[in-house]
Amino acid sequence: MDEQPPASGQMNRRVALAAAVALAPAVSTAAEDARASAETALRAFLHAFENDDLATMEAAFAPDANGFNPVVASAKGGPMRDLDAYRRKPGMPPAMRELVEATLKTGSGPPYRKLEPKDLLVQTDGQMALCTFHLEAPTNLARRTIVLIRRAGAWKILHIHASNVQL
């Protein structure tokens, strides 16, 4: 029994399927490479923060970066807060800079702090990476979200959001 050649539409589907199967490992590898390189950039920033390396920290931020200072969730009825201190600010968050400047004066380090991200999740999509993690301490849980953008082959912090929960 002679087989008939596939119709043009069937052939196109077969070629597309074969191409997708052939490209799947490359796409997976590229996505994994992006995730790994974004995580490396995040960990380099955290290492610089541990050592209060202000120049390296500042260089980790994109020129158009912005962020939110950390705030401790407070109970209703607490004292009034200056809300301007909690609004989005350009560049590295002011509270982060203030912490570095204060600890540099103590002369007790480096490292000045230990930043071990727990439950680290790095999700990438093209030139963006979303990094979420926790920093645990005996009296609080620090929640962090850092958005990275890849520009000129380097990951830079585009946005940082920090919040803390008292235990």
N, C-alpha and C. Protein backbone atom coordinates (compact mmCIF):
# COMPACT_ATOMS: atom_id res chain seq x y z
N MET A 1 0.85 -1.16 0.00
CA MET A 1 0.00 0.00 0.00
C MET A 1 0.89 1.23 0.00
N ASP A 2 0.69 2.12 -0.96
CA ASP A 2 1.50 3.33 -1.06
C ASP A 2 0.96 4.42 -0.15
N GLU A 3 1.90 5.08 0.56
CA GLU A 3 1.48 6.21 1.40
C GLU A 3 1.42 7.45 0.55
N GLN A 4 0.43 8.25 0.81
CA GLN A 4 0.28 9.52 0.13
C GLN A 4 1.15 10.55 0.83
N PRO A 5 1.79 11.44 0.10
CA PRO A 5 2.55 12.50 0.77
C PRO A 5 1.60 13.37 1.58
N PRO A 6 2.09 13.90 2.71
CA PRO A 6 1.21 14.73 3.54
C PRO A 6 0.78 15.99 2.81
N ALA A 7 -0.41 16.43 3.14
CA ALA A 7 -0.90 17.68 2.57
C ALA A 7 -0.01 18.81 3.07
N SER A 8 -0.03 19.92 2.38
CA SER A 8 0.82 21.06 2.71
C SER A 8 0.61 21.53 4.15
N GLY A 9 -0.64 21.59 4.60
CA GLY A 9 -0.95 22.02 5.96
C GLY A 9 -0.38 21.07 6.99
N GLN A 10 -0.47 19.75 6.69
CA GLN A 10 0.08 18.76 7.62
C GLN A 10 1.60 18.89 7.68
N MET A 11 2.23 19.12 6.53
CA MET A 11 3.68 19.26 6.49
C MET A 11 4.12 20.48 7.29
N ASN A 12 3.40 21.59 7.16
CA ASN A 12 3.75 22.79 7.91
C ASN A 12 3.63 22.55 9.42
N ARG A 13 2.60 21.83 9.83
CA ARG A 13 2.43 21.53 11.25
C ARG A 13 3.56 20.63 11.75
N ARG A 14 3.96 19.65 10.92
CA ARG A 14 5.05 18.75 11.32
C ARG A 14 6.37 19.52 11.44
N VAL A 15 6.60 20.40 10.49
CA VAL A 15 7.83 21.21 10.54
C VAL A 15 7.81 22.11 11.77
N ALA A 16 6.69 22.72 12.05
CA ALA A 16 6.57 23.60 13.21
C ALA A 16 6.77 22.81 14.50
N LEU A 17 6.18 21.61 14.58
CA LEU A 17 6.33 20.78 15.76
C LEU A 17 7.79 20.36 15.93
N ALA A 18 8.43 19.95 14.86
CA ALA A 18 9.83 19.55 14.93
C ALA A 18 10.71 20.72 15.37
N ALA A 19 10.43 21.91 14.86
CA ALA A 19 11.20 23.09 15.23
C ALA A 19 10.99 23.42 16.71
N ALA A 20 9.74 23.32 17.17
CA ALA A 20 9.46 23.62 18.58
C ALA A 20 10.17 22.63 19.50
N VAL A 21 10.17 21.35 19.14
CA VAL A 21 10.85 20.34 19.94
C VAL A 21 12.36 20.60 19.94
N ALA A 22 12.90 20.97 18.79
CA ALA A 22 14.34 21.23 18.68
C ALA A 22 14.74 22.48 19.47
N LEU A 23 13.88 23.50 19.50
CA LEU A 23 14.21 24.75 20.17
C LEU A 23 13.91 24.73 21.66
N ALA A 24 13.09 23.81 22.13
CA ALA A 24 12.70 23.80 23.53
C ALA A 24 13.89 23.78 24.48
N PRO A 25 14.89 22.93 24.28
CA PRO A 25 16.04 22.96 25.20
C PRO A 25 16.77 24.31 25.17
N ALA A 26 16.88 24.93 24.00
CA ALA A 26 17.56 26.23 23.91
C ALA A 26 16.79 27.30 24.66
N VAL A 27 15.47 27.30 24.52
CA VAL A 27 14.64 28.27 25.23
C VAL A 27 14.75 28.04 26.73
N SER A 28 14.68 26.78 27.14
CA SER A 28 14.79 26.44 28.56
C SER A 28 16.15 26.86 29.10
N THR A 29 17.20 26.60 28.35
CA THR A 29 18.55 26.97 28.78
C THR A 29 18.68 28.48 28.87
N ALA A 30 18.14 29.22 27.90
CA ALA A 30 18.22 30.68 27.93
C ALA A 30 17.46 31.23 29.13
N ALA A 31 16.30 30.67 29.43
CA ALA A 31 15.52 31.13 30.58
C ALA A 31 16.27 30.82 31.88
N GLU A 32 16.87 29.64 31.95
CA GLU A 32 17.63 29.28 33.16
C GLU A 32 18.86 30.16 33.30
N ASP A 33 19.53 30.47 32.20
CA ASP A 33 20.68 31.36 32.24
C ASP A 33 20.27 32.75 32.73
N ALA A 34 19.13 33.25 32.26
CA ALA A 34 18.64 34.56 32.69
C ALA A 34 18.33 34.54 34.17
N ARG A 35 17.66 33.49 34.62
CA ARG A 35 17.32 33.38 36.04
C ARG A 35 18.59 33.32 36.89
N ALA A 36 19.54 32.51 36.47
CA ALA A 36 20.79 32.37 37.24
C ALA A 36 21.57 33.68 37.27
N SER A 37 21.64 34.38 36.14
CA SER A 37 22.40 35.63 36.13
C SER A 37 21.70 36.72 36.94
N ALA A 38 20.37 36.73 36.93
CA ALA A 38 19.62 37.69 37.76
C ALA A 38 19.86 37.39 39.24
N GLU A 39 19.84 36.11 39.61
CA GLU A 39 20.09 35.74 41.01
C GLU A 39 21.51 36.12 41.42
N THR A 40 22.46 35.94 40.53
CA THR A 40 23.85 36.33 40.83
C THR A 40 23.94 37.83 41.08
N ALA A 41 23.25 38.63 40.26
CA ALA A 41 23.25 40.09 40.45
C ALA A 41 22.60 40.46 41.78
N LEU A 42 21.49 39.82 42.11
CA LEU A 42 20.81 40.08 43.38
C LEU A 42 21.73 39.75 44.56
N ARG A 43 22.37 38.60 44.51
CA ARG A 43 23.25 38.19 45.61
C ARG A 43 24.47 39.11 45.72
N ALA A 44 24.97 39.62 44.59
CA ALA A 44 26.09 40.58 44.63
C ALA A 44 25.65 41.87 45.33
N PHE A 45 24.42 42.31 45.05
CA PHE A 45 23.90 43.50 45.73
C PHE A 45 23.77 43.26 47.23
N LEU A 46 23.21 42.11 47.61
CA LEU A 46 23.05 41.79 49.02
C LEU A 46 24.40 41.71 49.73
N HIS A 47 25.40 41.16 49.05
CA HIS A 47 26.74 41.07 49.62
C HIS A 47 27.32 42.48 49.85
N ALA A 48 27.12 43.36 48.86
CA ALA A 48 27.59 44.74 49.01
C ALA A 48 26.87 45.42 50.18
N PHE A 49 25.58 45.13 50.35
CA PHE A 49 24.81 45.70 51.45
C PHE A 49 25.32 45.17 52.79
N GLU A 50 25.65 43.89 52.86
CA GLU A 50 26.20 43.32 54.10
C GLU A 50 27.46 44.07 54.52
N ASN A 51 28.25 44.47 53.53
CA ASN A 51 29.54 45.12 53.79
C ASN A 51 29.47 46.64 53.73
N ASP A 52 28.28 47.18 53.60
CA ASP A 52 28.08 48.64 53.50
C ASP A 52 28.95 49.26 52.41
N ASP A 53 29.04 48.56 51.29
CA ASP A 53 29.79 49.06 50.13
C ASP A 53 28.84 49.95 49.33
N LEU A 54 28.75 51.20 49.77
CA LEU A 54 27.77 52.14 49.22
C LEU A 54 27.96 52.36 47.72
N ALA A 55 29.18 52.45 47.24
CA ALA A 55 29.42 52.67 45.81
C ALA A 55 28.89 51.51 44.97
N THR A 56 29.13 50.29 45.41
CA THR A 56 28.63 49.11 44.68
C THR A 56 27.12 49.03 44.76
N MET A 57 26.58 49.38 45.93
CA MET A 57 25.13 49.37 46.09
C MET A 57 24.48 50.36 45.12
N GLU A 58 24.99 51.59 45.09
CA GLU A 58 24.43 52.61 44.20
C GLU A 58 24.55 52.20 42.74
N ALA A 59 25.66 51.57 42.37
CA ALA A 59 25.87 51.13 40.99
C ALA A 59 24.91 50.01 40.60
N ALA A 60 24.35 49.32 41.58
CA ALA A 60 23.41 48.23 41.30
C ALA A 60 22.04 48.74 40.86
N PHE A 61 21.77 50.03 41.09
CA PHE A 61 20.46 50.60 40.74
C PHE A 61 20.49 51.22 39.35
N ALA A 62 19.41 51.01 38.60
CA ALA A 62 19.23 51.67 37.31
C ALA A 62 19.05 53.17 37.56
N PRO A 63 19.42 54.01 36.60
CA PRO A 63 19.26 55.46 36.80
C PRO A 63 17.81 55.88 37.09
N ASP A 64 16.85 55.13 36.55
CA ASP A 64 15.44 55.47 36.75
C ASP A 64 14.78 54.60 37.82
N ALA A 65 15.57 54.03 38.71
CA ALA A 65 15.04 53.16 39.76
C ALA A 65 14.21 53.95 40.76
N ASN A 66 13.33 53.23 41.43
CA ASN A 66 12.57 53.82 42.53
C ASN A 66 12.29 52.73 43.55
N GLY A 67 11.85 53.13 44.72
CA GLY A 67 11.59 52.13 45.74
C GLY A 67 10.75 52.67 46.86
N PHE A 68 10.37 51.77 47.72
CA PHE A 68 9.62 52.11 48.92
C PHE A 68 10.47 51.74 50.13
N ASN A 69 10.58 52.67 51.07
CA ASN A 69 11.27 52.37 52.32
C ASN A 69 10.51 51.30 53.07
N PRO A 70 11.23 50.49 53.85
CA PRO A 70 10.52 49.50 54.66
C PRO A 70 9.71 50.18 55.75
N VAL A 71 8.63 49.56 56.09
CA VAL A 71 7.80 50.06 57.18
C VAL A 71 7.37 48.87 58.01
N VAL A 72 7.28 49.07 59.29
CA VAL A 72 6.79 48.02 60.17
C VAL A 72 5.29 48.17 60.25
N ALA A 73 4.59 47.09 59.95
CA ALA A 73 3.14 47.12 60.04
C ALA A 73 2.75 47.46 61.47
N SER A 74 1.89 48.45 61.61
CA SER A 74 1.52 48.88 62.96
C SER A 74 0.02 48.68 63.18
N ALA A 75 -0.32 48.57 64.43
CA ALA A 75 -1.72 48.36 64.80
C ALA A 75 -2.51 49.65 64.57
N LYS A 76 -3.80 49.47 64.33
CA LYS A 76 -4.69 50.61 64.19
C LYS A 76 -4.68 51.42 65.48
N GLY A 77 -4.74 52.73 65.32
CA GLY A 77 -4.76 53.57 66.50
C GLY A 77 -3.37 53.97 66.97
N GLY A 78 -2.32 53.56 66.21
CA GLY A 78 -0.95 53.93 66.60
C GLY A 78 -0.71 55.40 66.31
N PRO A 79 0.49 55.87 66.59
CA PRO A 79 0.80 57.30 66.38
C PRO A 79 0.74 57.66 64.89
N MET A 80 0.44 58.92 64.64
CA MET A 80 0.41 59.43 63.26
C MET A 80 1.82 59.36 62.68
N ARG A 81 1.89 59.03 61.41
CA ARG A 81 3.18 58.95 60.73
C ARG A 81 3.26 60.02 59.67
N ASP A 82 4.48 60.44 59.35
CA ASP A 82 4.72 61.36 58.24
C ASP A 82 4.65 60.52 56.97
N LEU A 83 3.54 60.59 56.27
CA LEU A 83 3.32 59.73 55.11
C LEU A 83 4.31 59.99 53.99
N ASP A 84 4.89 61.18 53.91
CA ASP A 84 5.86 61.45 52.85
C ASP A 84 7.07 60.52 52.95
N ALA A 85 7.42 60.11 54.14
CA ALA A 85 8.55 59.21 54.33
C ALA A 85 8.28 57.83 53.72
N TYR A 86 7.02 57.51 53.45
CA TYR A 86 6.65 56.19 52.94
C TYR A 86 6.25 56.21 51.48
N ARG A 87 6.32 57.35 50.83
CA ARG A 87 5.99 57.43 49.41
C ARG A 87 7.18 56.97 48.58
N ARG A 88 6.89 56.60 47.34
CA ARG A 88 7.92 56.14 46.41
C ARG A 88 8.99 57.21 46.25
N LYS A 89 10.25 56.79 46.29
CA LYS A 89 11.37 57.71 46.14
C LYS A 89 12.25 57.24 44.98
N PRO A 90 12.90 58.18 44.28
CA PRO A 90 13.81 57.77 43.20
C PRO A 90 15.12 57.23 43.76
N GLY A 91 15.73 56.31 43.02
CA GLY A 91 17.03 55.78 43.40
C GLY A 91 16.97 54.79 44.54
N MET A 92 18.11 54.61 45.19
CA MET A 92 18.20 53.70 46.32
C MET A 92 17.33 54.25 47.46
N PRO A 93 16.55 53.41 48.12
CA PRO A 93 15.69 53.91 49.20
C PRO A 93 16.49 54.66 50.26
N PRO A 94 15.99 55.83 50.69
CA PRO A 94 16.70 56.64 51.69
C PRO A 94 17.00 55.89 52.98
N ALA A 95 16.10 55.05 53.44
CA ALA A 95 16.34 54.32 54.69
C ALA A 95 17.52 53.36 54.55
N MET A 96 17.71 52.82 53.36
CA MET A 96 18.84 51.92 53.12
C MET A 96 20.15 52.71 53.22
N ARG A 97 20.18 53.88 52.60
CA ARG A 97 21.37 54.74 52.66
C ARG A 97 21.64 55.17 54.11
N GLU A 98 20.59 55.56 54.84
CA GLU A 98 20.76 55.99 56.23
C GLU A 98 21.33 54.86 57.09
N LEU A 99 20.86 53.63 56.87
CA LEU A 99 21.36 52.48 57.63
C LEU A 99 22.85 52.27 57.35
N VAL A 100 23.23 52.32 56.08
CA VAL A 100 24.64 52.14 55.70
C VAL A 100 25.50 53.23 56.32
N GLU A 101 25.07 54.47 56.20
CA GLU A 101 25.86 55.58 56.76
C GLU A 101 26.00 55.46 58.27
N ALA A 102 24.95 55.03 58.95
CA ALA A 102 25.00 54.89 60.41
C ALA A 102 25.93 53.77 60.83
N THR A 103 25.85 52.62 60.15
CA THR A 103 26.69 51.49 60.56
C THR A 103 28.15 51.71 60.17
N LEU A 104 28.41 52.47 59.13
CA LEU A 104 29.80 52.77 58.77
C LEU A 104 30.50 53.54 59.89
N LYS A 105 29.73 54.34 60.63
CA LYS A 105 30.30 55.13 61.72
C LYS A 105 30.69 54.28 62.92
N THR A 106 30.12 53.08 63.04
CA THR A 106 30.41 52.24 64.21
C THR A 106 31.78 51.59 64.12
N GLY A 107 32.25 51.34 62.90
CA GLY A 107 33.54 50.69 62.73
C GLY A 107 33.56 49.24 63.17
N SER A 108 32.41 48.61 63.30
CA SER A 108 32.32 47.25 63.81
C SER A 108 32.38 46.17 62.73
N GLY A 109 32.56 46.52 61.49
CA GLY A 109 32.50 45.51 60.42
C GLY A 109 33.62 45.74 59.45
N PRO A 110 33.54 45.27 58.27
CA PRO A 110 32.50 44.44 57.68
C PRO A 110 32.64 42.96 58.05
N PRO A 111 31.65 42.18 57.84
CA PRO A 111 30.30 42.58 57.44
C PRO A 111 29.55 43.22 58.61
N TYR A 112 28.65 44.09 58.24
CA TYR A 112 27.86 44.83 59.24
C TYR A 112 26.55 44.12 59.55
N ARG A 113 26.12 43.28 58.64
CA ARG A 113 24.87 42.54 58.83
C ARG A 113 24.95 41.28 57.98
N LYS A 114 24.12 40.32 58.26
CA LYS A 114 24.04 39.09 57.48
C LYS A 114 22.69 39.06 56.79
N LEU A 115 22.71 39.03 55.47
CA LEU A 115 21.47 39.00 54.68
C LEU A 115 21.38 37.66 53.95
N GLU A 116 20.62 36.77 54.53
CA GLU A 116 20.43 35.44 53.94
C GLU A 116 19.00 35.32 53.43
N PRO A 117 18.81 35.46 52.12
CA PRO A 117 17.44 35.39 51.59
C PRO A 117 16.85 33.99 51.77
N LYS A 118 15.68 33.96 52.38
CA LYS A 118 14.93 32.70 52.56
C LYS A 118 13.79 32.69 51.55
N ASP A 119 13.41 31.52 51.12
CA ASP A 119 12.30 31.36 50.16
C ASP A 119 12.53 32.22 48.92
N LEU A 120 13.78 32.29 48.45
CA LEU A 120 14.11 33.10 47.28
C LEU A 120 13.43 32.54 46.03
N LEU A 121 12.73 33.41 45.35
CA LEU A 121 12.10 33.06 44.08
C LEU A 121 12.52 34.11 43.06
N VAL A 122 13.15 33.66 41.98
CA VAL A 122 13.57 34.55 40.91
C VAL A 122 12.81 34.13 39.66
N GLN A 123 11.98 35.03 39.15
CA GLN A 123 11.18 34.77 37.95
C GLN A 123 11.63 35.75 36.88
N THR A 124 11.91 35.23 35.68
CA THR A 124 12.36 36.10 34.60
C THR A 124 11.40 36.04 33.43
N ASP A 125 11.35 37.16 32.72
CA ASP A 125 10.57 37.24 31.48
C ASP A 125 11.28 38.27 30.60
N GLY A 126 12.03 37.78 29.66
CA GLY A 126 12.77 38.69 28.79
C GLY A 126 13.84 39.44 29.56
N GLN A 127 13.73 40.75 29.56
CA GLN A 127 14.74 41.61 30.19
C GLN A 127 14.38 42.01 31.62
N MET A 128 13.37 41.36 32.19
CA MET A 128 12.93 41.68 33.55
C MET A 128 13.06 40.44 34.44
N ALA A 129 13.36 40.69 35.70
CA ALA A 129 13.40 39.62 36.70
C ALA A 129 12.70 40.12 37.95
N LEU A 130 11.87 39.29 38.51
CA LEU A 130 11.16 39.60 39.76
C LEU A 130 11.74 38.68 40.83
N CYS A 131 12.33 39.27 41.86
CA CYS A 131 12.95 38.51 42.94
C CYS A 131 12.19 38.78 44.23
N THR A 132 11.72 37.73 44.87
CA THR A 132 11.04 37.88 46.15
C THR A 132 11.71 36.95 47.15
N PHE A 133 11.80 37.43 48.39
CA PHE A 133 12.43 36.62 49.44
C PHE A 133 12.09 37.22 50.79
N HIS A 134 12.48 36.48 51.84
CA HIS A 134 12.30 36.92 53.21
C HIS A 134 13.66 37.00 53.89
N LEU A 135 13.78 37.90 54.82
CA LEU A 135 14.93 37.96 55.72
C LEU A 135 14.36 37.74 57.11
N GLU A 136 14.84 36.72 57.79
CA GLU A 136 14.27 36.37 59.08
C GLU A 136 15.17 36.84 60.21
N ALA A 137 14.55 37.35 61.25
CA ALA A 137 15.23 37.75 62.47
C ALA A 137 14.37 37.27 63.63
N PRO A 138 14.94 37.21 64.83
CA PRO A 138 14.16 36.71 65.97
C PRO A 138 12.89 37.51 66.24
N THR A 139 12.89 38.82 65.91
CA THR A 139 11.73 39.64 66.27
C THR A 139 10.91 40.13 65.07
N ASN A 140 11.37 39.84 63.85
CA ASN A 140 10.57 40.28 62.70
C ASN A 140 10.86 39.45 61.46
N LEU A 141 9.95 39.56 60.53
CA LEU A 141 10.08 38.94 59.22
C LEU A 141 10.12 40.08 58.21
N ALA A 142 11.22 40.17 57.48
CA ALA A 142 11.38 41.23 56.48
C ALA A 142 11.04 40.64 55.12
N ARG A 143 10.07 41.24 54.45
CA ARG A 143 9.64 40.78 53.13
C ARG A 143 10.23 41.73 52.09
N ARG A 144 10.81 41.16 51.03
CA ARG A 144 11.46 41.98 50.02
C ARG A 144 11.04 41.55 48.62
N THR A 145 10.82 42.56 47.78
CA THR A 145 10.58 42.36 46.35
C THR A 145 11.53 43.29 45.62
N ILE A 146 12.32 42.72 44.73
CA ILE A 146 13.27 43.51 43.94
C ILE A 146 13.02 43.18 42.47
N VAL A 147 12.77 44.21 41.68
CA VAL A 147 12.60 44.06 40.24
C VAL A 147 13.90 44.46 39.57
N LEU A 148 14.44 43.55 38.78
CA LEU A 148 15.67 43.81 38.04
C LEU A 148 15.33 43.98 36.57
N ILE A 149 16.10 44.81 35.89
CA ILE A 149 15.98 44.98 34.45
C ILE A 149 17.37 44.79 33.85
N ARG A 150 17.42 44.07 32.72
CA ARG A 150 18.70 43.85 32.06
C ARG A 150 18.88 44.92 31.00
N ARG A 151 19.93 45.73 31.19
CA ARG A 151 20.27 46.79 30.24
C ARG A 151 21.74 46.67 29.90
N ALA A 152 22.03 46.72 28.62
CA ALA A 152 23.42 46.60 28.14
C ALA A 152 24.09 45.36 28.75
N GLY A 153 23.32 44.28 28.87
CA GLY A 153 23.86 43.01 29.34
C GLY A 153 24.03 42.89 30.84
N ALA A 154 23.65 43.90 31.61
CA ALA A 154 23.81 43.85 33.07
C ALA A 154 22.46 44.02 33.75
N TRP A 155 22.24 43.26 34.82
CA TRP A 155 21.02 43.39 35.61
C TRP A 155 21.18 44.58 36.56
N LYS A 156 20.17 45.44 36.59
CA LYS A 156 20.13 46.59 37.48
C LYS A 156 18.82 46.58 38.25
N ILE A 157 18.83 47.11 39.46
CA ILE A 157 17.61 47.20 40.26
C ILE A 157 16.77 48.34 39.70
N LEU A 158 15.55 48.00 39.32
CA LEU A 158 14.61 49.00 38.82
C LEU A 158 13.65 49.44 39.93
N HIS A 159 13.32 48.50 40.81
CA HIS A 159 12.38 48.82 41.90
C HIS A 159 12.69 47.89 43.08
N ILE A 160 12.57 48.45 44.26
CA ILE A 160 12.72 47.65 45.48
C ILE A 160 11.58 48.02 46.42
N HIS A 161 10.95 47.00 46.97
CA HIS A 161 9.86 47.20 47.91
C HIS A 161 10.18 46.38 49.15
N ALA A 162 10.08 47.01 50.28
CA ALA A 162 10.40 46.34 51.54
C ALA A 162 9.29 46.57 52.55
N SER A 163 8.94 45.53 53.26
CA SER A 163 8.00 45.66 54.37
C SER A 163 8.41 44.67 55.45
N ASN A 164 8.12 45.02 56.67
CA ASN A 164 8.50 44.20 57.82
C ASN A 164 7.28 43.89 58.67
N VAL A 165 7.29 42.70 59.21
CA VAL A 165 6.22 42.27 60.11
C VAL A 165 6.85 41.96 61.46
N GLN A 166 6.38 42.60 62.51
CA GLN A 166 6.87 42.31 63.86
C GLN A 166 6.28 40.99 64.33
N LEU A 167 7.11 40.17 64.94
CA LEU A 167 6.63 38.88 65.45
C LEU A 167 6.20 39.00 66.90
